[in-house]
PDB file of N, CA and C in Angstrom:
ATOM      1  N   UNK A   1     -15.683  11.778 -29.359  1.00  0.00           N
ATOM      2  CA  UNK A   1     -15.394  10.511 -28.713  1.00  0.00           C
ATOM      3  C   UNK A   1     -16.682   9.676 -28.713  1.00  0.00           C
ATOM      4  N   UNK A   2     -16.561   8.473 -29.138  1.00  0.00           N
ATOM      5  CA  UNK A   2     -17.723   7.586 -29.154  1.00  0.00           C
ATOM      6  C   UNK A   2     -17.958   7.020 -27.748  1.00  0.00           C
ATOM      7  N   UNK A   3     -19.128   6.491 -27.559  1.00  0.00           N
ATOM      8  CA  UNK A   3     -19.467   5.885 -26.276  1.00  0.00           C
ATOM      9  C   UNK A   3     -18.536   4.718 -25.961  1.00  0.00           C
ATOM     10  N   UNK A   4     -18.219   3.927 -26.975  1.00  0.00           N
ATOM     11  CA  UNK A   4     -17.315   2.789 -26.764  1.00  0.00           C
ATOM     12  C   UNK A   4     -15.931   3.271 -26.346  1.00  0.00           C
ATOM     13  N   UNK A   5     -15.437   4.338 -26.958  1.00  0.00           N
ATOM     14  CA  UNK A   5     -14.128   4.884 -26.586  1.00  0.00           C
ATOM     15  C   UNK A   5     -14.158   5.403 -25.148  1.00  0.00           C
ATOM     16  N   UNK A   6     -15.264   6.028 -24.776  1.00  0.00           N
ATOM     17  CA  UNK A   6     -15.414   6.543 -23.415  1.00  0.00           C
ATOM     18  C   UNK A   6     -15.366   5.390 -22.410  1.00  0.00           C
ATOM     19  N   UNK A   7     -16.116   4.328 -22.682  1.00  0.00           N
ATOM     20  CA  UNK A   7     -16.109   3.161 -21.794  1.00  0.00           C
ATOM     21  C   UNK A   7     -14.724   2.532 -21.720  1.00  0.00           C
ATOM     22  N   UNK A   8     -14.039   2.455 -22.833  1.00  0.00           N
ATOM     23  CA  UNK A   8     -12.688   1.880 -22.847  1.00  0.00           C
ATOM     24  C   UNK A   8     -11.737   2.712 -21.989  1.00  0.00           C
ATOM     25  N   UNK A   9     -11.851   4.021 -22.097  1.00  0.00           N
ATOM     26  CA  UNK A   9     -11.000   4.921 -21.309  1.00  0.00           C
ATOM     27  C   UNK A   9     -11.273   4.739 -19.815  1.00  0.00           C
ATOM     28  N   UNK A  10     -12.553   4.678 -19.437  1.00  0.00           N
ATOM     29  CA  UNK A  10     -12.909   4.491 -18.026  1.00  0.00           C
ATOM     30  C   UNK A  10     -12.458   3.121 -17.519  1.00  0.00           C
ATOM     31  N   UNK A  11     -12.568   2.111 -18.370  1.00  0.00           N
ATOM     32  CA  UNK A  11     -12.115   0.765 -18.010  1.00  0.00           C
ATOM     33  C   UNK A  11     -10.615   0.775 -17.719  1.00  0.00           C
ATOM     34  N   UNK A  12      -9.857   1.404 -18.586  1.00  0.00           N
ATOM     35  CA  UNK A  12      -8.402   1.461 -18.411  1.00  0.00           C
ATOM     36  C   UNK A  12      -8.035   2.245 -17.157  1.00  0.00           C
ATOM     37  N   UNK A  13      -8.778   3.308 -16.871  1.00  0.00           N
ATOM     38  CA  UNK A  13      -8.527   4.063 -15.645  1.00  0.00           C
ATOM     39  C   UNK A  13      -8.800   3.194 -14.420  1.00  0.00           C
ATOM     40  N   UNK A  14      -9.869   2.423 -14.478  1.00  0.00           N
ATOM     41  CA  UNK A  14     -10.211   1.534 -13.366  1.00  0.00           C
ATOM     42  C   UNK A  14      -9.148   0.469 -13.146  1.00  0.00           C
ATOM     43  N   UNK A  15      -8.634  -0.082 -14.225  1.00  0.00           N
ATOM     44  CA  UNK A  15      -7.560  -1.081 -14.123  1.00  0.00           C
ATOM     45  C   UNK A  15      -6.335  -0.446 -13.467  1.00  0.00           C
ATOM     46  N   UNK A  16      -5.977   0.747 -13.901  1.00  0.00           N
ATOM     47  CA  UNK A  16      -4.823   1.440 -13.334  1.00  0.00           C
ATOM     48  C   UNK A  16      -4.993   1.711 -11.857  1.00  0.00           C
ATOM     49  N   UNK A  17      -6.186   2.123 -11.461  1.00  0.00           N
ATOM     50  CA  UNK A  17      -6.447   2.390 -10.047  1.00  0.00           C
ATOM     51  C   UNK A  17      -6.377   1.101  -9.233  1.00  0.00           C
ATOM     52  N   UNK A  18      -6.884   0.022  -9.808  1.00  0.00           N
ATOM     53  CA  UNK A  18      -6.823  -1.266  -9.114  1.00  0.00           C
ATOM     54  C   UNK A  18      -5.394  -1.731  -8.904  1.00  0.00           C
ATOM     55  N   UNK A  19      -4.574  -1.535  -9.904  1.00  0.00           N
ATOM     56  CA  UNK A  19      -3.158  -1.911  -9.796  1.00  0.00           C
ATOM     57  C   UNK A  19      -2.479  -1.081  -8.712  1.00  0.00           C
ATOM     58  N   UNK A  20      -2.753   0.219  -8.704  1.00  0.00           N
ATOM     59  CA  UNK A  20      -2.161   1.094  -7.692  1.00  0.00           C
ATOM     60  C   UNK A  20      -2.575   0.672  -6.281  1.00  0.00           C
ATOM     61  N   UNK A  21      -3.852   0.342  -6.105  1.00  0.00           N
ATOM     62  CA  UNK A  21      -4.322  -0.107  -4.793  1.00  0.00           C
ATOM     63  C   UNK A  21      -3.641  -1.409  -4.389  1.00  0.00           C
ATOM     64  N   UNK A  22      -3.445  -2.308  -5.339  1.00  0.00           N
ATOM     65  CA  UNK A  22      -2.776  -3.575  -5.054  1.00  0.00           C
ATOM     66  C   UNK A  22      -1.334  -3.375  -4.632  1.00  0.00           C
ATOM     67  N   UNK A  23      -0.653  -2.466  -5.295  1.00  0.00           N
ATOM     68  CA  UNK A  23       0.740  -2.167  -4.949  1.00  0.00           C
ATOM     69  C   UNK A  23       0.813  -1.575  -3.547  1.00  0.00           C
ATOM     70  N   UNK A  24      -0.078  -0.648  -3.248  1.00  0.00           N
ATOM     71  CA  UNK A  24      -0.091  -0.028  -1.917  1.00  0.00           C
ATOM     72  C   UNK A  24      -0.406  -1.062  -0.840  1.00  0.00           C
ATOM     73  N   UNK A  25      -1.335  -1.961  -1.119  1.00  0.00           N
ATOM     74  CA  UNK A  25      -1.681  -2.999  -0.141  1.00  0.00           C
ATOM     75  C   UNK A  25      -0.506  -3.937   0.105  1.00  0.00           C
ATOM     76  N   UNK A  26       0.257  -4.238  -0.938  1.00  0.00           N
ATOM     77  CA  UNK A  26       1.431  -5.106  -0.765  1.00  0.00           C
ATOM     78  C   UNK A  26       2.481  -4.420   0.102  1.00  0.00           C
ATOM     79  N   UNK A  27       2.646  -3.107  -0.048  1.00  0.00           N
ATOM     80  CA  UNK A  27       3.567  -2.363   0.809  1.00  0.00           C
ATOM     81  C   UNK A  27       3.131  -2.484   2.274  1.00  0.00           C
ATOM     82  N   UNK A  28       1.834  -2.312   2.499  1.00  0.00           N
ATOM     83  CA  UNK A  28       1.301  -2.396   3.860  1.00  0.00           C
ATOM     84  C   UNK A  28       1.491  -3.801   4.418  1.00  0.00           C
ATOM     85  N   UNK A  29       1.163  -4.807   3.621  1.00  0.00           N
ATOM     86  CA  UNK A  29       1.315  -6.196   4.078  1.00  0.00           C
ATOM     87  C   UNK A  29       2.765  -6.511   4.426  1.00  0.00           C
ATOM     88  N   UNK A  30       3.692  -6.037   3.604  1.00  0.00           N
ATOM     89  CA  UNK A  30       5.124  -6.266   3.877  1.00  0.00           C
ATOM     90  C   UNK A  30       5.541  -5.585   5.172  1.00  0.00           C
ATOM     91  N   UNK A  31       5.100  -4.350   5.361  1.00  0.00           N
ATOM     92  CA  UNK A  31       5.453  -3.612   6.575  1.00  0.00           C
ATOM     93  C   UNK A  31       4.878  -4.304   7.806  1.00  0.00           C
ATOM     94  N   UNK A  32       3.653  -4.788   7.728  1.00  0.00           N
ATOM     95  CA  UNK A  32       3.038  -5.481   8.857  1.00  0.00           C
ATOM     96  C   UNK A  32       3.852  -6.716   9.228  1.00  0.00           C
ATOM     97  N   UNK A  33       4.276  -7.478   8.232  1.00  0.00           N
ATOM     98  CA  UNK A  33       5.078  -8.673   8.524  1.00  0.00           C
ATOM     99  C   UNK A  33       6.393  -8.287   9.198  1.00  0.00           C
ATOM    100  N   UNK A  34       7.021  -7.216   8.734  1.00  0.00           N
ATOM    101  CA  UNK A  34       8.286  -6.783   9.330  1.00  0.00           C
ATOM    102  C   UNK A  34       8.073  -6.272  10.754  1.00  0.00           C
ATOM    103  N   UNK A  35       6.988  -5.542  10.977  1.00  0.00           N
ATOM    104  CA  UNK A  35       6.696  -5.048  12.331  1.00  0.00           C
ATOM    105  C   UNK A  35       6.467  -6.231  13.260  1.00  0.00           C
ATOM    106  N   UNK A  36       5.681  -7.194  12.815  1.00  0.00           N
ATOM    107  CA  UNK A  36       5.388  -8.366  13.646  1.00  0.00           C
ATOM    108  C   UNK A  36       6.643  -9.189  13.930  1.00  0.00           C
ATOM    109  N   UNK A  37       7.577  -9.212  12.975  1.00  0.00           N
ATOM    110  CA  UNK A  37       8.825  -9.948  13.180  1.00  0.00           C
ATOM    111  C   UNK A  37       9.653  -9.295  14.284  1.00  0.00           C
ATOM    112  N   UNK A  38       9.636  -7.969  14.333  1.00  0.00           N
ATOM    113  CA  UNK A  38      10.279  -7.244  15.418  1.00  0.00           C
ATOM    114  C   UNK A  38      11.783  -7.089  15.340  1.00  0.00           C
ATOM    115  N   UNK A  39      12.396  -7.489  14.241  1.00  0.00           N
ATOM    116  CA  UNK A  39      13.863  -7.424  14.152  1.00  0.00           C
ATOM    117  C   UNK A  39      14.393  -6.120  13.571  1.00  0.00           C
ATOM    118  N   UNK A  40      13.561  -5.335  12.925  1.00  0.00           N
ATOM    119  CA  UNK A  40      14.025  -4.133  12.234  1.00  0.00           C
ATOM    120  C   UNK A  40      13.501  -2.867  12.903  1.00  0.00           C
ATOM    121  N   UNK A  41      14.323  -1.813  12.906  1.00  0.00           N
ATOM    122  CA  UNK A  41      13.818  -0.528  13.377  1.00  0.00           C
ATOM    123  C   UNK A  41      12.755  -0.008  12.400  1.00  0.00           C
ATOM    124  N   UNK A  42      11.830   0.783  12.907  1.00  0.00           N
ATOM    125  CA  UNK A  42      10.732   1.280  12.076  1.00  0.00           C
ATOM    126  C   UNK A  42      11.225   2.100  10.885  1.00  0.00           C
ATOM    127  N   UNK A  43      12.340   2.794  11.036  1.00  0.00           N
ATOM    128  CA  UNK A  43      12.890   3.569   9.925  1.00  0.00           C
ATOM    129  C   UNK A  43      13.284   2.654   8.765  1.00  0.00           C
ATOM    130  N   UNK A  44      13.862   1.519   9.097  1.00  0.00           N
ATOM    131  CA  UNK A  44      14.244   0.544   8.052  1.00  0.00           C
ATOM    132  C   UNK A  44      13.001  -0.052   7.398  1.00  0.00           C
ATOM    133  N   UNK A  45      11.992  -0.330   8.204  1.00  0.00           N
ATOM    134  CA  UNK A  45      10.748  -0.878   7.655  1.00  0.00           C
ATOM    135  C   UNK A  45      10.149   0.103   6.661  1.00  0.00           C
ATOM    136  N   UNK A  46      10.155   1.381   7.009  1.00  0.00           N
ATOM    137  CA  UNK A  46       9.648   2.401   6.095  1.00  0.00           C
ATOM    138  C   UNK A  46      10.464   2.407   4.807  1.00  0.00           C
ATOM    139  N   UNK A  47      11.770   2.365   4.937  1.00  0.00           N
ATOM    140  CA  UNK A  47      12.636   2.399   3.762  1.00  0.00           C
ATOM    141  C   UNK A  47      12.415   1.171   2.884  1.00  0.00           C
ATOM    142  N   UNK A  48      12.353  -0.004   3.475  1.00  0.00           N
ATOM    143  CA  UNK A  48      12.218  -1.241   2.700  1.00  0.00           C
ATOM    144  C   UNK A  48      10.823  -1.412   2.096  1.00  0.00           C
ATOM    145  N   UNK A  49       9.814  -0.948   2.796  1.00  0.00           N
ATOM    146  CA  UNK A  49       8.445  -1.156   2.311  1.00  0.00           C
ATOM    147  C   UNK A  49       7.996  -0.081   1.322  1.00  0.00           C
ATOM    148  N   UNK A  50       8.646   1.071   1.354  1.00  0.00           N
ATOM    149  CA  UNK A  50       8.221   2.168   0.490  1.00  0.00           C
ATOM    150  C   UNK A  50       7.132   3.027   1.111  1.00  0.00           C
ATOM    151  N   UNK A  51       6.815   2.758   2.368  1.00  0.00           N
ATOM    152  CA  UNK A  51       5.854   3.587   3.091  1.00  0.00           C
ATOM    153  C   UNK A  51       6.601   4.699   3.811  1.00  0.00           C
ATOM    154  N   UNK A  52       5.865   5.713   4.231  1.00  0.00           N
ATOM    155  CA  UNK A  52       6.487   6.760   5.034  1.00  0.00           C
ATOM    156  C   UNK A  52       6.629   6.260   6.463  1.00  0.00           C
ATOM    157  N   UNK A  53       7.498   6.897   7.214  1.00  0.00           N
ATOM    158  CA  UNK A  53       7.666   6.533   8.624  1.00  0.00           C
ATOM    159  C   UNK A  53       6.355   6.741   9.379  1.00  0.00           C
ATOM    160  N   UNK A  54       5.626   7.787   9.027  1.00  0.00           N
ATOM    161  CA  UNK A  54       4.346   8.049   9.676  1.00  0.00           C
ATOM    162  C   UNK A  54       3.361   6.902   9.428  1.00  0.00           C
ATOM    163  N   UNK A  55       3.341   6.373   8.204  1.00  0.00           N
ATOM    164  CA  UNK A  55       2.456   5.251   7.896  1.00  0.00           C
ATOM    165  C   UNK A  55       2.851   4.013   8.699  1.00  0.00           C
ATOM    166  N   UNK A  56       4.143   3.775   8.825  1.00  0.00           N
ATOM    167  CA  UNK A  56       4.624   2.614   9.579  1.00  0.00           C
ATOM    168  C   UNK A  56       4.282   2.770  11.057  1.00  0.00           C
ATOM    169  N   UNK A  57       4.444   3.973  11.584  1.00  0.00           N
ATOM    170  CA  UNK A  57       4.090   4.209  12.986  1.00  0.00           C
ATOM    171  C   UNK A  57       2.599   3.973  13.216  1.00  0.00           C
ATOM    172  N   UNK A  58       1.768   4.393  12.276  1.00  0.00           N
ATOM    173  CA  UNK A  58       0.325   4.176  12.385  1.00  0.00           C
ATOM    174  C   UNK A  58      -0.005   2.688  12.332  1.00  0.00           C
ATOM    175  N   UNK A  59       0.660   1.957  11.447  1.00  0.00           N
ATOM    176  CA  UNK A  59       0.451   0.509  11.377  1.00  0.00           C
ATOM    177  C   UNK A  59       0.835  -0.160  12.690  1.00  0.00           C
ATOM    178  N   UNK A  60       1.956   0.259  13.245  1.00  0.00           N
ATOM    179  CA  UNK A  60       2.405  -0.318  14.516  1.00  0.00           C
ATOM    180  C   UNK A  60       1.372  -0.057  15.612  1.00  0.00           C
ATOM    181  N   UNK A  61       0.853   1.144  15.645  1.00  0.00           N
ATOM    182  CA  UNK A  61      -0.164   1.496  16.632  1.00  0.00           C
ATOM    183  C   UNK A  61      -1.414   0.626  16.441  1.00  0.00           C
ATOM    184  N   UNK A  62      -1.853   0.457  15.202  1.00  0.00           N
ATOM    185  CA  UNK A  62      -3.031  -0.371  14.924  1.00  0.00           C
ATOM    186  C   UNK A  62      -2.806  -1.823  15.344  1.00  0.00           C
ATOM    187  N   UNK A  63      -1.594  -2.317  15.123  1.00  0.00           N
ATOM    188  CA  UNK A  63      -1.289  -3.700  15.497  1.00  0.00           C
ATOM    189  C   UNK A  63      -1.293  -3.879  17.010  1.00  0.00           C
ATOM    190  N   UNK A  64      -0.854  -2.863  17.728  1.00  0.00           N
ATOM    191  CA  UNK A  64      -0.849  -2.945  19.193  1.00  0.00           C
ATOM    192  C   UNK A  64      -2.253  -2.929  19.755  1.00  0.00           C
ATOM    193  N   UNK A  65      -3.179  -2.273  19.051  1.00  0.00           N
ATOM    194  CA  UNK A  65      -4.562  -2.197  19.509  1.00  0.00           C
ATOM    195  C   UNK A  65      -5.342  -3.466  19.200  1.00  0.00           C
ATOM    196  N   UNK A  66      -4.838  -4.231  18.228  1.00  0.00           N
ATOM    197  CA  UNK A  66      -5.574  -5.437  17.803  1.00  0.00           C
ATOM    198  C   UNK A  66      -5.395  -6.581  18.774  1.00  0.00           C
TER     199      UNK A  66
END
């Protein structure tokens, strides 16, 4: 493997990780908006956002502390 190929591989891995982080952040942002709206049960928020119920409960706790 050449140095250029190695750098290209690492670059592509970094792009993939960045995309994954962006997707996860969007899930969190969506869940926060739904929690703040207050119209949905936390189980539904978890289902709609793609987060686990435990993650949604933690977000709710963090929002109450803020």
